[in-house]
Amino acid sequence: MKKRSKIIPIVTITTMMSSLAIACSNQPAAPADSGKGNTSTPAAATTYPMKTDKTLTYWAELTGNAVGIKSSLGEMPFFQEWQKKTGVPLKFTSPVANQAKEGLNVLLASGELPDMIEYNWLNFPGGPEKAIKDGYILKLNDLIDKHAPNLKKYLKEHPEVDKMVKTDEGNYFAFPFIRGDEYLKVFQGPIVRKDWLDELGLPVPTTIDEWYTVLKAFKEKKGAAAPLSFFSVPRPLEQVYNGAFIGAYGVNRLFYQENGQIKFGPAEPQYKEFLATFRKWYAEGLIDKNIATVDSKTLDANLASNATGATIGNTGGGIGKWMPILTAKDPKAKLVAAPYPVLKKGDTPRFGQKDPAFAPGGMVAITANSKNAELAAKLLDYGYSEEGHMFFNFGTEGVSYKMENGYPKYTDLLMNNPDKLAPAQAMSLHIRANYNGPFVQDKRYIEQYLTMPEQKDAITIWQKTDVDKYGLPPITATPAESTELAKIMTDVNTLVDEMTLKIILGNEPLENFDKYMAKLKTLNLDRAIQIQKAALDRYNKR
């Protein structure tokens, strides 16, 4: 690792993938040590804390839950303790909050890179393989093989995850964030006022017809002005696009696979049926009239004022946030999860929110000009060790957790913070389990973070979909493909979003769907599908 790639400053990074096109990619010219079948001598386990006189530099965004509480990563107890446990002094820098992409552009253009950069490298224009080729980050195959035995062991024992965390050429590019249990992958779905259902003698809806009955009753008998409302900023219907309601028609808003073929939901005939349903519900006042612009404050107010009785949300930031607001005014108020809707009772929903084991954020790359790459690899490998696993997920024993009958139980410092910090805020200071990072997330974190039975039940209810069968894995386009795909999908998504809203709001007749379908074909959608199919084929061969 003595020879380093030379950093090539860039002026700007202009081409970013649309949110629908997974912006990962790969450069065909893979070096000889592509990581497939490496048979070098296994690395000896590192003893922590290490002894070093070197200080490593680390660039990462300050998590949203810590903004306003701490001004830098170095002030947070977790990062202070991480240095003590590994023996490696760290100097931290961060971009402006919510401006990680812009901050990275400036950083890369400067040519003065830190030893490590924590970023979603799948979003790098051209993908991680391009970042390696351009001399920004290192290919990590040798470093992991020789200096990261804990990560190497985990990936060997979990080949399905190993497949996700490298490029099509077999190159590792970052120390990944991994969701260590199925229970951690699902956190969003339909939510409904159970107390209203009980009062009206209605069951929790499972089909589109039952949902229509429920929403109509909420409007007519509970006086709800916006019976169904959901978050729509910055993109209208984003939460619906995950599979809620739209999935009942066997499609979603993304690319998906069916019988070995790639399909794009809005180009399928069933999308018209979804539009017809939402158009009818909107016309009858069953959907929030401001559905295109609902932000979090609006949705909170709708639920608090009883204007809304059904929504789509998360276990923590949804049920966990809204239940205390509702029960403060009405002790009988109760929110519960509803299954992802289907057309025929008893069917299993095709789609729903579910993250892959390899989550997109929190991955840490080692930069190509780092003079301390081996030390950085050993530092990052700590998170995948047994001791590091406990530390990243639960913090420091006796401070943020205590062992009770073999179970790491969070203390009141996190769950009932003396400074009145919400659990999510207190957690973000002392652990990394509630936001991404270079480690394997532990199920026992979410078991405690979700304090209400309604939250725990929600995950079980929302898990019951066939999204594993139909959803796409984290496939990657090549640099050339990703540029082409981004251009196509910018036009396609603009058309789909505009026509979807126009039809639902009644500004465009449903019959114009056929014209819209014809227009879609002129935007090279077939080529986008070809690119996705090629990427899926390469992924399946990894």
Protein backbone atom coordinates (compact mmCIF):
# COMPACT_ATOMS: atom_id res chain seq x y z
CA MET A 1 0.00 0.00 0.00
CA LYS A 2 2.98 2.31 -0.33
CA LYS A 3 2.00 3.64 -3.68
CA ARG A 4 -0.92 6.05 -3.57
CA SER A 5 -3.13 7.22 -6.38
CA LYS A 6 -2.71 10.85 -7.19
CA ILE A 7 -5.69 13.02 -6.36
CA ILE A 8 -7.19 14.71 -9.39
CA PRO A 9 -9.07 17.84 -8.28
CA ILE A 10 -12.47 18.39 -9.80
CA VAL A 11 -14.23 21.65 -10.31
CA THR A 12 -17.77 20.46 -9.92
CA ILE A 13 -19.78 17.29 -9.90
CA THR A 14 -22.83 17.99 -11.94
CA THR A 15 -24.42 14.72 -12.93
CA MET A 16 -26.32 13.09 -10.10
CA MET A 17 -28.65 10.14 -10.49
CA SER A 18 -32.36 10.58 -9.95
CA SER A 19 -33.71 9.05 -6.76
CA LEU A 20 -35.22 6.23 -8.74
CA ALA A 21 -32.05 5.19 -10.57
CA ILE A 22 -29.66 3.59 -8.14
CA ALA A 23 -26.56 5.64 -8.67
CA CYS A 24 -23.94 3.01 -8.27
CA SER A 25 -21.57 2.05 -10.96
CA ASN A 26 -18.50 0.28 -12.07
CA GLN A 27 -15.49 0.78 -14.27
CA PRO A 28 -14.67 -2.28 -16.40
CA ALA A 29 -10.89 -2.15 -15.85
CA ALA A 30 -10.61 -4.17 -12.63
CA PRO A 31 -7.11 -4.68 -11.26
CA ALA A 32 -5.79 -8.21 -11.00
CA ASP A 33 -6.49 -8.49 -7.26
CA SER A 34 -10.22 -8.05 -7.71
CA GLY A 35 -10.93 -9.79 -4.43
CA LYS A 36 -12.40 -12.91 -5.94
CA GLY A 37 -10.72 -15.93 -4.41
CA ASN A 38 -7.93 -14.08 -2.61
CA THR A 39 -5.84 -16.69 -0.79
CA SER A 40 -3.32 -14.58 1.11
CA THR A 41 -2.43 -15.35 4.72
CA PRO A 42 -5.27 -14.37 7.10
CA ALA A 43 -4.65 -11.22 9.12
CA ALA A 44 -3.99 -11.47 12.83
CA ALA A 45 -6.64 -9.87 15.00
CA THR A 46 -5.77 -6.35 16.13
CA THR A 47 -5.46 -5.78 19.87
CA TYR A 48 -7.33 -2.65 21.00
CA PRO A 49 -6.46 -0.05 22.08
CA MET A 50 -3.61 0.24 19.59
CA LYS A 51 -0.49 2.25 20.28
CA THR A 52 0.19 4.98 17.72
CA ASP A 53 1.60 8.48 17.58
CA LYS A 54 -0.41 9.26 14.44
CA THR A 55 -3.61 11.29 14.30
CA LEU A 56 -6.08 10.32 11.58
CA THR A 57 -8.46 12.76 9.89
CA TYR A 58 -12.14 11.90 9.48
CA TRP A 59 -14.84 13.72 7.46
CA ALA A 60 -18.50 13.00 8.16
CA GLU A 61 -21.83 14.76 8.43
CA LEU A 62 -23.19 15.55 11.91
CA THR A 63 -26.31 13.42 12.40
CA GLY A 64 -29.57 15.38 12.39
CA ASN A 65 -30.47 14.29 15.94
CA ALA A 66 -27.29 15.94 17.27
CA VAL A 67 -27.67 19.22 15.38
CA GLY A 68 -28.33 22.00 17.86
CA ILE A 69 -26.99 19.91 20.75
CA LYS A 70 -23.37 19.50 19.70
CA SER A 71 -21.49 21.54 17.11
CA SER A 72 -19.00 18.87 16.03
CA LEU A 73 -18.39 15.13 16.08
CA GLY A 74 -15.42 15.64 18.39
CA GLU A 75 -17.75 16.98 21.10
CA MET A 76 -19.91 13.86 21.09
CA PRO A 77 -19.19 11.25 23.81
CA PHE A 78 -19.38 8.39 21.29
CA PHE A 79 -16.55 9.74 19.14
CA GLN A 80 -14.46 10.65 22.19
CA GLU A 81 -14.82 7.12 23.55
CA TRP A 82 -14.18 5.54 20.12
CA GLN A 83 -10.73 7.13 20.11
CA LYS A 84 -9.99 5.79 23.61
CA LYS A 85 -11.15 2.27 22.80
CA THR A 86 -9.16 2.04 19.57
CA GLY A 87 -6.18 4.08 20.73
CA VAL A 88 -6.32 6.19 17.54
CA PRO A 89 -6.57 9.99 17.90
CA LEU A 90 -8.98 11.52 15.37
CA LYS A 91 -9.43 15.01 13.98
CA PHE A 92 -12.95 15.60 12.67
CA THR A 93 -14.39 17.89 10.00
CA SER A 94 -18.00 18.07 8.81
CA PRO A 95 -20.00 19.71 6.03
CA VAL A 96 -22.83 22.12 6.73
CA ALA A 97 -25.91 20.24 7.98
CA ASN A 98 -27.95 18.70 5.14
CA GLN A 99 -25.31 19.68 2.59
CA ALA A 100 -23.14 16.57 2.51
CA LYS A 101 -23.16 16.31 -1.29
CA GLU A 102 -22.16 19.94 -1.77
CA GLY A 103 -19.57 19.64 0.98
CA LEU A 104 -18.04 16.58 -0.63
CA ASN A 105 -17.80 18.38 -3.98
CA VAL A 106 -15.83 21.18 -2.36
CA LEU A 107 -13.65 18.71 -0.46
CA LEU A 108 -12.78 16.69 -3.56
CA ALA A 109 -12.08 19.81 -5.60
CA SER A 110 -9.61 21.01 -2.97
CA GLY A 111 -7.37 17.98 -3.41
CA GLU A 112 -6.70 18.08 0.37
CA LEU A 113 -8.47 14.95 1.53
CA PRO A 114 -8.70 13.48 5.04
CA ASP A 115 -7.76 9.86 5.74
CA MET A 116 -11.40 8.77 5.82
CA ILE A 117 -14.66 10.05 4.31
CA GLU A 118 -18.05 8.86 5.56
CA TYR A 119 -20.53 9.26 2.71
CA ASN A 120 -23.03 7.35 0.61
CA TRP A 121 -20.54 6.40 -2.10
CA LEU A 122 -23.29 4.77 -4.13
CA ASN A 123 -24.36 8.34 -4.92
CA PHE A 124 -20.98 9.35 -6.31
CA PRO A 125 -21.43 10.27 -10.00
CA GLY A 126 -20.38 7.16 -11.90
CA GLY A 127 -20.44 5.15 -8.67
CA PRO A 128 -17.73 3.93 -6.30
CA GLU A 129 -15.71 2.28 -9.08
CA LYS A 130 -15.40 5.71 -10.72
CA ALA A 131 -14.32 7.22 -7.39
CA ILE A 132 -11.58 4.60 -7.21
CA LYS A 133 -10.51 5.11 -10.82
CA ASP A 134 -10.42 8.90 -10.42
CA GLY A 135 -8.04 8.56 -7.50
CA TYR A 136 -10.30 9.75 -4.70
CA ILE A 137 -10.72 6.57 -2.68
CA LEU A 138 -8.83 3.30 -2.34
CA LYS A 139 -9.87 -0.12 -3.52
CA LEU A 140 -9.97 -1.90 -0.17
CA ASN A 141 -9.50 -5.56 -1.13
CA ASP A 142 -5.92 -5.88 0.13
CA LEU A 143 -6.52 -3.71 3.19
CA ILE A 144 -9.54 -5.75 4.27
CA ASP A 145 -7.73 -8.98 3.55
CA LYS A 146 -4.68 -8.05 5.62
CA HIS A 147 -5.90 -5.58 8.24
CA ALA A 148 -9.68 -6.03 8.75
CA PRO A 149 -10.18 -9.63 9.94
CA ASN A 150 -13.46 -8.86 11.71
CA LEU A 151 -15.18 -7.44 8.62
CA LYS A 152 -13.63 -10.14 6.45
CA LYS A 153 -15.01 -12.86 8.76
CA TYR A 154 -18.51 -11.31 8.75
CA LEU A 155 -18.62 -11.07 4.96
CA LYS A 156 -17.39 -14.64 4.56
CA GLU A 157 -20.16 -15.84 6.87
CA HIS A 158 -22.77 -13.69 5.08
CA PRO A 159 -22.19 -14.11 1.32
CA GLU A 160 -25.49 -12.41 0.48
CA VAL A 161 -24.18 -9.23 2.17
CA ASP A 162 -20.71 -9.64 0.67
CA LYS A 163 -22.35 -9.55 -2.75
CA MET A 164 -23.92 -6.17 -1.95
CA VAL A 165 -20.90 -4.34 -0.56
CA LYS A 166 -18.60 -4.61 -3.59
CA THR A 167 -18.75 -3.48 -7.19
CA ASP A 168 -19.48 -5.71 -10.18
CA GLU A 169 -15.70 -6.01 -10.61
CA GLY A 170 -15.43 -7.45 -7.09
CA ASN A 171 -13.86 -4.35 -5.51
CA TYR A 172 -14.62 -3.29 -1.95
CA PHE A 173 -14.79 0.50 -1.64
CA ALA A 174 -15.94 1.30 1.91
CA PHE A 175 -16.46 -0.12 5.38
CA PRO A 176 -20.24 -0.68 5.26
CA PHE A 177 -23.26 -0.16 7.49
CA ILE A 178 -25.12 -3.46 7.71
CA ARG A 179 -28.56 -4.14 9.14
CA GLY A 180 -27.96 -7.34 11.10
CA ASP A 181 -31.54 -8.63 11.28
CA GLU A 182 -34.68 -8.75 9.14
CA TYR A 183 -36.49 -6.86 11.90
CA LEU A 184 -34.26 -3.83 11.27
CA LYS A 185 -35.06 -3.49 7.57
CA VAL A 186 -38.75 -2.52 7.80
CA PHE A 187 -39.90 0.66 9.52
CA GLN A 188 -42.65 2.30 7.43
CA GLY A 189 -46.20 1.59 6.34
CA PRO A 190 -49.90 2.55 6.62
CA ILE A 191 -51.12 3.83 10.01
CA VAL A 192 -54.73 4.26 11.16
CA ARG A 193 -56.69 5.55 14.18
CA LYS A 194 -57.72 2.32 15.91
CA ASP A 195 -59.93 4.14 18.43
CA TRP A 196 -61.97 5.58 15.54
CA LEU A 197 -62.29 2.15 13.92
CA ASP A 198 -63.52 0.64 17.19
CA GLU A 199 -66.01 3.46 17.69
CA LEU A 200 -67.35 2.95 14.15
CA GLY A 201 -67.35 -0.84 14.38
CA LEU A 202 -64.86 -1.23 11.55
CA PRO A 203 -61.91 -3.63 11.29
CA VAL A 204 -58.36 -2.53 10.44
CA PRO A 205 -58.55 -2.27 6.63
CA THR A 206 -56.59 -4.74 4.52
CA THR A 207 -58.07 -4.21 1.04
CA ILE A 208 -58.62 -1.14 -1.14
CA ASP A 209 -62.41 -1.55 -0.75
CA GLU A 210 -62.11 -1.68 3.04
CA TRP A 211 -59.91 1.41 2.96
CA TYR A 212 -62.58 3.24 0.97
CA THR A 213 -65.19 2.31 3.57
CA VAL A 214 -62.93 3.44 6.41
CA LEU A 215 -61.96 6.78 4.86
CA LYS A 216 -65.57 7.54 3.96
CA ALA A 217 -66.64 6.83 7.55
CA PHE A 218 -63.82 9.02 8.91
CA LYS A 219 -65.03 11.90 6.74
CA GLU A 220 -68.77 11.51 7.28
CA LYS A 221 -68.93 10.30 10.88
CA LYS A 222 -65.77 11.69 12.47
CA GLY A 223 -65.71 14.99 10.57
CA ALA A 224 -62.18 14.42 9.27
CA ALA A 225 -61.34 17.11 6.71
CA ALA A 226 -58.38 15.12 5.38
CA PRO A 227 -59.13 11.47 6.22
CA LEU A 228 -55.94 10.23 4.51
CA SER A 229 -52.90 12.50 4.52
CA PHE A 230 -49.20 11.82 4.26
CA PHE A 231 -45.86 13.50 3.93
CA SER A 232 -45.29 14.87 0.38
CA VAL A 233 -42.26 17.15 0.61
CA PRO A 234 -39.97 17.43 -1.27
CA ARG A 235 -41.65 14.91 -3.55
CA PRO A 236 -45.42 14.37 -3.75
CA LEU A 237 -46.67 10.83 -3.03
CA GLU A 238 -43.16 9.62 -2.11
CA GLN A 239 -44.47 7.43 0.72
CA VAL A 240 -47.21 5.98 -1.47
CA TYR A 241 -44.55 5.09 -4.01
CA ASN A 242 -42.92 2.70 -1.51
CA GLY A 243 -45.88 0.39 -2.00
CA ALA A 244 -48.70 1.73 0.17
CA PHE A 245 -51.95 1.68 -1.91
CA ILE A 246 -50.13 1.63 -5.26
CA GLY A 247 -48.78 -1.83 -4.45
CA ALA A 248 -52.32 -3.22 -4.30
CA TYR A 249 -52.31 -3.06 -8.09
CA GLY A 250 -49.15 -5.15 -8.39
CA VAL A 251 -46.82 -2.27 -9.26
CA ASN A 252 -44.73 0.33 -7.50
CA ARG A 253 -43.24 3.66 -8.57
CA LEU A 254 -39.79 2.17 -9.18
CA PHE A 255 -38.12 -0.37 -11.37
CA TYR A 256 -38.85 -3.90 -10.17
CA GLN A 257 -38.40 -7.46 -11.39
CA GLU A 258 -41.00 -10.00 -12.45
CA ASN A 259 -40.29 -13.38 -14.02
CA GLY A 260 -36.73 -12.37 -14.81
CA GLN A 261 -37.77 -9.14 -16.52
CA ILE A 262 -37.32 -5.53 -15.37
CA LYS A 263 -40.47 -3.44 -15.28
CA PHE A 264 -41.19 0.20 -14.48
CA GLY A 265 -44.40 0.60 -12.50
CA PRO A 266 -45.76 3.83 -14.03
CA ALA A 267 -45.43 2.32 -17.53
CA GLU A 268 -47.63 -0.66 -16.63
CA PRO A 269 -51.43 -0.72 -17.29
CA GLN A 270 -52.14 -1.32 -13.57
CA TYR A 271 -50.79 2.14 -12.81
CA LYS A 272 -53.90 3.54 -14.46
CA GLU A 273 -56.05 1.58 -11.99
CA PHE A 274 -54.15 3.10 -9.09
CA LEU A 275 -54.63 6.59 -10.55
CA ALA A 276 -58.37 5.92 -11.00
CA THR A 277 -58.71 4.97 -7.33
CA PHE A 278 -56.80 7.95 -5.98
CA ARG A 279 -58.62 10.29 -8.38
CA LYS A 280 -61.96 9.03 -7.02
CA TRP A 281 -60.84 9.31 -3.39
CA TYR A 282 -59.53 12.82 -3.94
CA ALA A 283 -62.72 13.94 -5.67
CA GLU A 284 -64.76 12.65 -2.73
CA GLY A 285 -62.58 14.45 -0.17
CA LEU A 286 -61.07 11.28 1.27
CA ILE A 287 -57.49 12.42 0.57
CA ASP A 288 -55.97 15.66 1.87
CA LYS A 289 -56.80 18.39 -0.66
CA ASN A 290 -53.23 19.70 -0.21
CA ILE A 291 -51.70 16.29 -0.89
CA ALA A 292 -48.98 17.69 -3.15
CA THR A 293 -47.53 20.00 -0.48
CA VAL A 294 -48.00 18.34 2.94
CA ASP A 295 -44.88 18.80 5.07
CA SER A 296 -44.14 17.34 8.51
CA LYS A 297 -45.62 20.28 10.42
CA THR A 298 -48.83 20.12 8.40
CA LEU A 299 -49.17 16.38 8.92
CA ASP A 300 -48.51 16.72 12.66
CA ALA A 301 -51.21 19.40 12.87
CA ASN A 302 -53.68 17.32 10.84
CA LEU A 303 -53.31 14.37 13.17
CA ALA A 304 -53.34 16.47 16.35
CA SER A 305 -56.53 18.28 15.30
CA ASN A 306 -58.34 15.08 14.26
CA ALA A 307 -58.48 16.27 10.65
CA THR A 308 -56.63 13.09 9.65
CA GLY A 309 -57.31 9.52 10.74
CA ALA A 310 -54.98 7.60 8.44
CA THR A 311 -51.48 8.18 7.14
CA ILE A 312 -48.23 6.53 6.10
CA GLY A 313 -45.32 6.83 8.51
CA ASN A 314 -42.45 5.29 10.43
CA THR A 315 -42.42 3.40 13.70
CA GLY A 316 -40.22 5.95 15.49
CA GLY A 317 -40.79 9.27 13.76
CA GLY A 318 -44.42 8.37 13.06
CA ILE A 319 -46.26 6.32 15.68
CA GLY A 320 -43.64 7.20 18.30
CA LYS A 321 -44.01 10.92 17.64
CA TRP A 322 -47.77 11.15 17.11
CA MET A 323 -49.09 8.94 19.90
CA PRO A 324 -48.00 11.27 22.75
CA ILE A 325 -49.47 14.24 20.88
CA LEU A 326 -52.83 12.50 20.46
CA THR A 327 -53.07 10.96 23.93
CA ALA A 328 -52.28 14.30 25.56
CA LYS A 329 -55.63 15.53 24.20
CA ASP A 330 -57.51 12.23 24.20
CA PRO A 331 -56.24 9.36 26.42
CA LYS A 332 -58.25 6.87 24.33
CA ALA A 333 -56.56 7.82 21.05
CA LYS A 334 -54.63 4.96 19.49
CA LEU A 335 -52.62 4.57 16.31
CA VAL A 336 -51.92 1.12 14.88
CA ALA A 337 -50.27 -0.23 11.77
CA ALA A 338 -52.40 -1.50 8.92
CA PRO A 339 -51.09 -4.05 6.42
CA TYR A 340 -50.01 -2.86 3.01
CA PRO A 341 -53.33 -2.95 1.09
CA VAL A 342 -54.28 -5.56 -1.51
CA LEU A 343 -57.22 -5.87 -3.92
CA LYS A 344 -58.29 -9.37 -2.89
CA LYS A 345 -58.59 -10.22 0.79
CA GLY A 346 -56.00 -12.74 1.89
CA ASP A 347 -53.47 -11.91 -0.81
CA THR A 348 -49.90 -11.01 0.13
CA PRO A 349 -48.87 -7.48 -0.90
CA ARG A 350 -46.17 -7.44 -3.56
CA PHE A 351 -44.48 -4.29 -2.35
CA GLY A 352 -43.70 -2.39 0.82
CA GLN A 353 -40.87 -0.43 2.38
CA LYS A 354 -37.86 -2.61 3.10
CA ASP A 355 -34.20 -1.63 3.14
CA PRO A 356 -31.50 -4.09 2.06
CA ALA A 357 -29.04 -5.47 4.61
CA PHE A 358 -26.42 -3.12 3.14
CA ALA A 359 -27.90 0.28 3.95
CA PRO A 360 -26.87 3.24 1.77
CA GLY A 361 -25.52 5.69 4.34
CA GLY A 362 -22.73 5.54 6.89
CA MET A 363 -20.13 3.81 4.72
CA VAL A 364 -16.55 4.95 5.29
CA ALA A 365 -13.98 5.03 2.48
CA ILE A 366 -10.24 5.44 2.93
CA THR A 367 -8.90 8.13 0.64
CA ALA A 368 -6.30 7.37 -2.00
CA ASN A 369 -3.75 9.85 -0.65
CA SER A 370 -3.95 8.70 2.98
CA LYS A 371 -0.51 7.98 4.38
CA ASN A 372 -2.12 5.94 7.17
CA ALA A 373 -4.38 3.56 5.25
CA GLU A 374 -3.43 0.47 7.25
CA LEU A 375 -4.08 2.20 10.57
CA ALA A 376 -7.40 3.53 9.23
CA ALA A 377 -8.43 0.01 8.20
CA LYS A 378 -7.63 -1.33 11.67
CA LEU A 379 -9.56 1.53 13.28
CA LEU A 380 -12.62 0.90 11.10
CA ASP A 381 -12.46 -2.86 11.60
CA TYR A 382 -13.07 -2.29 15.31
CA GLY A 383 -16.79 -1.74 14.62
CA TYR A 384 -17.13 -5.33 13.38
CA SER A 385 -15.36 -6.92 16.37
CA GLU A 386 -17.35 -8.30 19.30
CA GLU A 387 -16.27 -5.42 21.54
CA GLY A 388 -16.87 -2.87 18.78
CA HIS A 389 -20.28 -4.33 18.04
CA MET A 390 -21.38 -3.73 21.61
CA PHE A 391 -19.87 -0.25 21.66
CA PHE A 392 -21.41 0.97 18.40
CA ASN A 393 -24.83 -0.44 19.28
CA PHE A 394 -25.00 0.18 23.02
CA GLY A 395 -22.17 2.52 23.97
CA THR A 396 -20.20 2.28 27.18
CA GLU A 397 -21.24 -0.28 29.78
CA GLY A 398 -22.29 1.36 33.03
CA VAL A 399 -22.96 4.64 31.25
CA SER A 400 -25.36 4.13 28.34
CA TYR A 401 -26.24 0.49 29.03
CA LYS A 402 -26.15 -2.19 31.72
CA MET A 403 -26.20 -5.94 31.26
CA GLU A 404 -29.36 -7.49 32.73
CA ASN A 405 -29.60 -11.28 32.44
CA GLY A 406 -27.30 -11.20 29.44
CA TYR A 407 -29.25 -8.42 27.72
CA PRO A 408 -27.69 -4.97 27.11
CA LYS A 409 -30.35 -2.61 28.49
CA TYR A 410 -30.13 1.11 27.76
CA THR A 411 -29.92 3.32 30.86
CA ASP A 412 -32.00 6.37 31.67
CA LEU A 413 -29.23 8.50 30.19
CA LEU A 414 -30.68 7.44 26.83
CA MET A 415 -34.28 6.49 27.54
CA ASN A 416 -35.20 9.08 30.18
CA ASN A 417 -32.53 11.68 29.67
CA PRO A 418 -31.93 14.04 32.63
CA ASP A 419 -31.43 16.96 30.21
CA LYS A 420 -34.85 16.24 28.66
CA LEU A 421 -33.35 15.07 25.36
CA ALA A 422 -35.60 12.74 23.38
CA PRO A 423 -34.30 9.14 23.26
CA ALA A 424 -33.28 9.56 19.60
CA GLN A 425 -31.23 12.64 20.50
CA ALA A 426 -29.59 11.09 23.57
CA MET A 427 -28.81 7.94 21.61
CA SER A 428 -27.11 9.89 18.84
CA LEU A 429 -24.60 11.27 21.35
CA HIS A 430 -23.59 7.96 22.90
CA ILE A 431 -24.17 5.21 20.29
CA ARG A 432 -24.52 4.81 16.53
CA ALA A 433 -27.29 2.23 16.43
CA ASN A 434 -29.93 4.82 15.53
CA TYR A 435 -28.02 6.15 12.55
CA ASN A 436 -25.75 4.54 9.99
CA GLY A 437 -22.04 3.90 10.42
CA PRO A 438 -19.25 1.33 9.91
CA PHE A 439 -20.70 -1.55 11.95
CA VAL A 440 -23.44 -4.20 12.04
CA GLN A 441 -26.68 -2.93 13.59
CA ASP A 442 -28.08 -5.07 16.42
CA LYS A 443 -31.76 -6.04 16.71
CA ARG A 444 -31.66 -5.39 20.46
CA TYR A 445 -31.34 -1.68 19.70
CA ILE A 446 -34.70 -1.46 17.94
CA GLU A 447 -36.37 -3.66 20.56
CA GLN A 448 -35.69 -0.91 23.10
CA TYR A 449 -36.01 2.14 20.86
CA LEU A 450 -39.57 1.10 20.05
CA THR A 451 -41.10 1.46 23.49
CA MET A 452 -44.79 1.06 22.56
CA PRO A 453 -46.39 -2.30 21.71
CA GLU A 454 -48.04 -0.60 18.72
CA GLN A 455 -44.59 0.17 17.33
CA LYS A 456 -43.30 -3.37 17.76
CA ASP A 457 -46.48 -4.81 16.22
CA ALA A 458 -46.15 -2.43 13.27
CA ILE A 459 -42.89 -3.99 12.08
CA THR A 460 -44.38 -7.48 12.17
CA ILE A 461 -47.43 -6.29 10.21
CA TRP A 462 -45.46 -4.33 7.59
CA GLN A 463 -42.98 -7.18 7.08
CA LYS A 464 -45.63 -9.34 5.43
CA THR A 465 -44.96 -8.50 1.78
CA ASP A 466 -43.30 -10.15 -1.22
CA VAL A 467 -40.92 -7.24 -1.77
CA ASP A 468 -37.91 -9.57 -1.54
CA LYS A 469 -39.18 -11.39 -4.60
CA TYR A 470 -40.10 -8.36 -6.71
CA GLY A 471 -37.87 -5.55 -5.47
CA LEU A 472 -34.43 -4.99 -6.97
CA PRO A 473 -31.22 -5.61 -5.00
CA PRO A 474 -28.64 -2.77 -4.86
CA ILE A 475 -27.59 -3.08 -8.50
CA THR A 476 -25.05 -0.75 -10.07
CA ALA A 477 -24.78 0.85 -13.48
CA THR A 478 -21.42 1.45 -15.15
CA PRO A 479 -20.20 5.07 -15.26
CA ALA A 480 -21.31 5.43 -18.88
CA GLU A 481 -24.65 3.77 -18.18
CA SER A 482 -25.30 5.89 -15.09
CA THR A 483 -24.87 9.11 -17.07
CA GLU A 484 -27.25 7.87 -19.75
CA LEU A 485 -29.71 6.55 -17.17
CA ALA A 486 -29.73 9.81 -15.22
CA LYS A 487 -30.60 11.78 -18.36
CA ILE A 488 -33.41 9.42 -19.34
CA MET A 489 -34.90 9.19 -15.86
CA THR A 490 -34.84 12.95 -15.29
CA ASP A 491 -37.24 13.31 -18.23
CA VAL A 492 -39.23 10.20 -17.33
CA ASN A 493 -39.70 11.15 -13.67
CA THR A 494 -40.73 14.69 -14.55
CA LEU A 495 -43.43 13.36 -16.88
CA VAL A 496 -44.63 10.68 -14.45
CA ASP A 497 -44.83 13.03 -11.47
CA GLU A 498 -46.63 15.74 -13.41
CA MET A 499 -49.17 13.42 -15.03
CA THR A 500 -49.77 11.48 -11.80
CA LEU A 501 -50.70 14.63 -9.91
CA LYS A 502 -52.76 16.08 -12.75
CA ILE A 503 -54.88 12.95 -13.03
CA ILE A 504 -55.32 12.50 -9.26
CA LEU A 505 -56.22 16.16 -8.72
CA GLY A 506 -58.69 16.04 -11.59
CA ASN A 507 -56.80 18.51 -13.77
CA GLU A 508 -56.35 15.92 -16.50
CA PRO A 509 -58.89 13.28 -17.63
CA LEU A 510 -58.03 9.68 -16.79
CA GLU A 511 -58.35 8.86 -20.48
CA ASN A 512 -55.17 10.87 -21.13
CA PHE A 513 -53.20 8.08 -19.43
CA ASP A 514 -52.88 6.42 -22.84
CA LYS A 515 -51.32 9.58 -24.31
CA TYR A 516 -48.96 9.68 -21.38
CA MET A 517 -47.97 6.06 -22.01
CA ALA A 518 -47.18 6.90 -25.62
CA LYS A 519 -45.09 9.88 -24.52
CA LEU A 520 -43.16 7.68 -22.10
CA LYS A 521 -42.03 5.47 -24.98
CA THR A 522 -40.49 8.49 -26.73
CA LEU A 523 -38.29 9.23 -23.70
CA ASN A 524 -36.11 6.14 -24.14
CA LEU A 525 -37.64 4.29 -21.21
CA ASP A 526 -36.92 1.00 -23.00
CA ARG A 527 -33.22 1.87 -22.92
CA ALA A 528 -33.42 2.60 -19.16
CA ILE A 529 -34.98 -0.83 -18.65
CA GLN A 530 -32.15 -2.40 -20.69
CA ILE A 531 -29.56 -0.68 -18.48
CA GLN A 532 -31.26 -1.90 -15.33
CA LYS A 533 -31.48 -5.44 -16.70
CA ALA A 534 -27.77 -5.43 -17.58
CA ALA A 535 -26.96 -4.18 -14.07
CA LEU A 536 -29.14 -6.90 -12.52
CA ASP A 537 -27.45 -9.58 -14.62
CA ARG A 538 -24.01 -8.37 -13.51
CA TYR A 539 -25.14 -8.27 -9.87
CA ASN A 540 -26.40 -11.85 -10.08
CA LYS A 541 -22.99 -12.95 -11.37
CA ARG A 542 -21.02 -11.34 -8.51
